[in-house]
Protein backbone atom coordinates (compact mmCIF):
# COMPACT_ATOMS: atom_id res chain seq x y z
CA MET A 1 50.53 197.99 86.61
CA ASN A 2 49.00 196.96 83.33
CA LYS A 3 52.49 196.70 81.86
CA ILE A 4 53.62 194.34 84.62
CA LEU A 5 50.48 192.23 84.30
CA ILE A 6 50.84 191.95 80.54
CA THR A 7 54.53 191.03 80.85
CA LEU A 8 53.70 188.41 83.49
CA LEU A 9 50.95 186.91 81.30
CA VAL A 10 53.30 186.76 78.30
CA VAL A 11 55.98 185.01 80.39
CA ILE A 12 53.39 182.54 81.74
CA LEU A 13 52.13 181.85 78.20
CA ILE A 14 55.70 181.24 76.96
CA VAL A 15 56.40 178.83 79.85
CA VAL A 16 53.11 176.98 79.29
CA ALA A 17 53.79 176.74 75.53
CA PHE A 18 57.32 175.46 76.23
CA VAL A 19 56.08 172.79 78.69
CA PHE A 20 53.26 171.79 76.32
CA GLY A 21 55.68 171.54 73.36
CA GLY A 22 58.06 169.41 75.41
CA GLY A 23 55.23 167.11 76.46
CA VAL A 24 54.03 166.70 72.86
CA GLY A 25 57.62 166.00 71.73
CA ILE A 26 58.10 163.33 74.37
CA TYR A 27 54.77 161.73 73.45
CA TYR A 28 55.65 161.49 69.75
CA GLN A 29 59.15 160.18 70.49
CA THR A 30 57.75 157.36 72.62
CA GLN A 31 55.32 156.50 69.81
CA GLN A 32 58.24 156.15 67.38
CA ASP A 33 60.33 154.03 69.78
CA ALA A 34 57.47 151.70 70.76
CA PRO A 35 57.72 149.41 67.69
CA LYS A 36 61.51 149.19 68.12
CA LEU A 37 61.12 148.19 71.76
CA LYS A 38 58.63 145.46 70.81
CA GLN A 39 61.06 144.19 68.19
CA VAL A 40 63.87 144.08 70.77
CA GLU A 41 61.61 142.12 73.15
CA VAL A 42 60.79 139.60 70.39
CA LEU A 43 64.49 139.19 69.55
CA GLN A 44 65.33 138.67 73.22
CA GLU A 45 62.72 135.90 73.45
CA LYS A 46 64.15 134.22 70.34
CA MET A 47 67.68 134.43 71.78
CA LYS A 48 66.42 132.75 74.95
CA VAL A 49 65.06 129.90 72.84
CA LEU A 50 68.23 129.55 70.75
CA SER A 51 70.47 129.61 73.83
CA SER A 52 68.32 127.19 75.85
CA ARG A 53 69.18 123.57 76.47
CA VAL A 54 66.21 122.52 74.34
CA VAL A 55 67.98 123.68 71.16
CA HIS A 56 70.98 121.39 71.03
CA THR A 57 72.76 122.78 68.01
CA ILE A 58 72.55 125.00 64.97
CA LEU A 59 74.49 124.13 61.82
CA GLY A 60 76.46 126.76 59.95
CA TYR A 61 77.92 125.96 56.55
CA GLY A 62 80.00 128.00 54.16
CA VAL A 63 83.31 128.88 52.63
CA VAL A 64 85.97 130.36 54.91
CA SER A 65 86.37 133.96 53.78
CA ASP A 66 88.37 135.27 56.74
CA ILE A 67 90.36 133.85 59.65
CA ASN A 68 91.55 135.66 62.77
CA GLU A 69 93.89 133.42 64.72
CA SER A 70 94.36 135.85 67.62
CA ASP A 71 90.73 135.66 68.74
CA LYS A 72 89.95 132.31 67.04
CA THR A 73 87.21 133.61 64.76
CA ILE A 74 86.28 132.35 61.32
CA THR A 75 84.02 134.12 58.86
CA LEU A 76 81.88 131.76 56.77
CA SER A 77 80.27 133.01 53.56
CA THR A 78 77.66 131.47 51.31
CA GLY A 79 75.05 132.85 48.94
CA GLY A 80 75.99 136.47 49.60
CA SER A 81 75.63 136.12 53.40
CA SER A 82 78.39 135.83 55.94
CA LEU A 83 78.64 134.91 59.60
CA LYS A 84 81.54 135.49 61.96
CA ILE A 85 81.83 132.62 64.43
CA ASN A 86 84.04 132.13 67.44
CA ALA A 87 85.71 128.74 67.86
CA LEU A 88 85.09 127.94 71.53
CA GLU A 89 88.04 126.92 73.68
CA GLU A 90 86.72 123.34 73.88
CA ALA A 91 85.95 123.18 70.13
CA THR A 92 86.89 120.03 68.26
CA PHE A 93 88.12 120.12 64.68
CA PHE A 94 88.04 117.35 62.11
CA SER A 95 89.31 117.33 58.56
CA ILE A 96 87.37 115.28 56.01
CA LYS A 97 89.20 115.14 52.70
CA ASN A 98 89.79 112.67 49.93
CA ASN A 99 93.11 110.89 50.07
CA GLU A 100 95.23 109.86 47.07
CA SER A 101 93.16 106.73 46.41
CA GLY A 102 89.94 108.80 46.30
CA ASP A 103 88.64 107.48 49.62
CA THR A 104 87.32 109.90 52.19
CA ALA A 105 89.50 110.16 55.29
CA ARG A 106 88.49 111.79 58.56
CA LYS A 107 91.32 113.05 60.74
CA PRO A 108 91.53 115.18 63.88
CA ALA A 109 92.55 118.76 63.11
CA VAL A 110 93.30 122.04 64.88
CA PHE A 111 92.34 125.67 64.33
CA GLY A 112 95.57 126.27 62.41
CA ASP A 113 94.47 123.73 59.76
CA VAL A 114 91.61 126.02 58.64
CA LYS A 115 92.49 127.90 55.45
CA LYS A 116 90.65 130.49 53.37
CA GLY A 117 88.53 128.71 50.77
CA ASP A 118 87.90 125.64 52.95
CA MET A 119 84.32 124.48 53.20
CA ILE A 120 83.29 124.29 56.87
CA SER A 121 80.35 122.72 58.64
CA ALA A 122 80.22 124.29 62.08
CA TYR A 123 78.00 123.13 64.90
CA LEU A 124 77.02 126.34 66.67
CA LYS A 125 75.50 127.37 69.95
CA PHE A 126 74.21 130.79 70.97
CA SER A 127 75.16 132.00 74.41
CA PRO A 128 72.59 133.93 76.47
CA ASP A 129 74.48 137.17 75.71
CA GLY A 130 74.02 136.61 71.96
CA GLU A 131 77.50 135.40 71.04
CA VAL A 132 77.77 132.67 68.42
CA GLY A 133 80.21 129.92 69.35
CA ALA A 134 81.30 126.85 67.39
CA TYR A 135 81.93 123.72 69.41
CA SER A 136 82.63 121.34 66.52
CA LEU A 137 83.97 122.16 63.07
CA LEU A 138 84.33 119.88 60.05
CA ILE A 139 86.82 121.06 57.46
CA THR A 140 85.97 119.65 54.04
CA THR A 141 87.47 120.11 50.63
CA THR A 142 87.99 123.55 49.17
CA LYS A 143 85.91 124.78 46.25
CA TYR A 144 88.99 124.43 44.06
CA GLU A 145 89.50 120.82 45.17
CA GLN A 146 85.81 120.07 44.53
CA GLU A 147 86.06 121.51 41.00
CA MET A 148 89.21 119.47 40.36
CA MET A 149 87.49 116.28 41.58
CA ARG A 150 84.48 116.98 39.35
CA ALA A 151 86.78 117.60 36.38
CA GLN A 152 88.68 114.35 37.07
CA ALA A 153 85.42 112.41 37.46
CA GLY A 154 84.19 113.86 34.16
CA ALA A 155 87.45 112.89 32.41
CA LYS A 156 87.12 109.20 33.39
């Protein structure tokens, strides 16, 4: 009988230790996830603000580093950062470039007019699900064209 009692006590101790270890593990895991959950809540609140009607627009500016015509996305890069934006279905495009006489001309444009190296000013809006959409895009001169204009202005 002593053998059975000792075996039963050992089994009970193992089960209690297992349950206690599991409880401690769960406690420590929730302590590690707590700061992440707070950060997610803060980001969700900020997304609500950015996607609200109070914030009319956000301006994105950079050089076109990538274009995907199939899903109408443009990647803008500047200062080592990049942002992939989606041209919304209702997006308007304008091209603002210098003509032969040196005057600035603004013309309507389409997505197909965007080329790598173009400078773009994109008026952006965040959707409630976190997507970044451009509803108006201004295509300006390329970096190369700007350098050429500066060189020509310096030569005069």
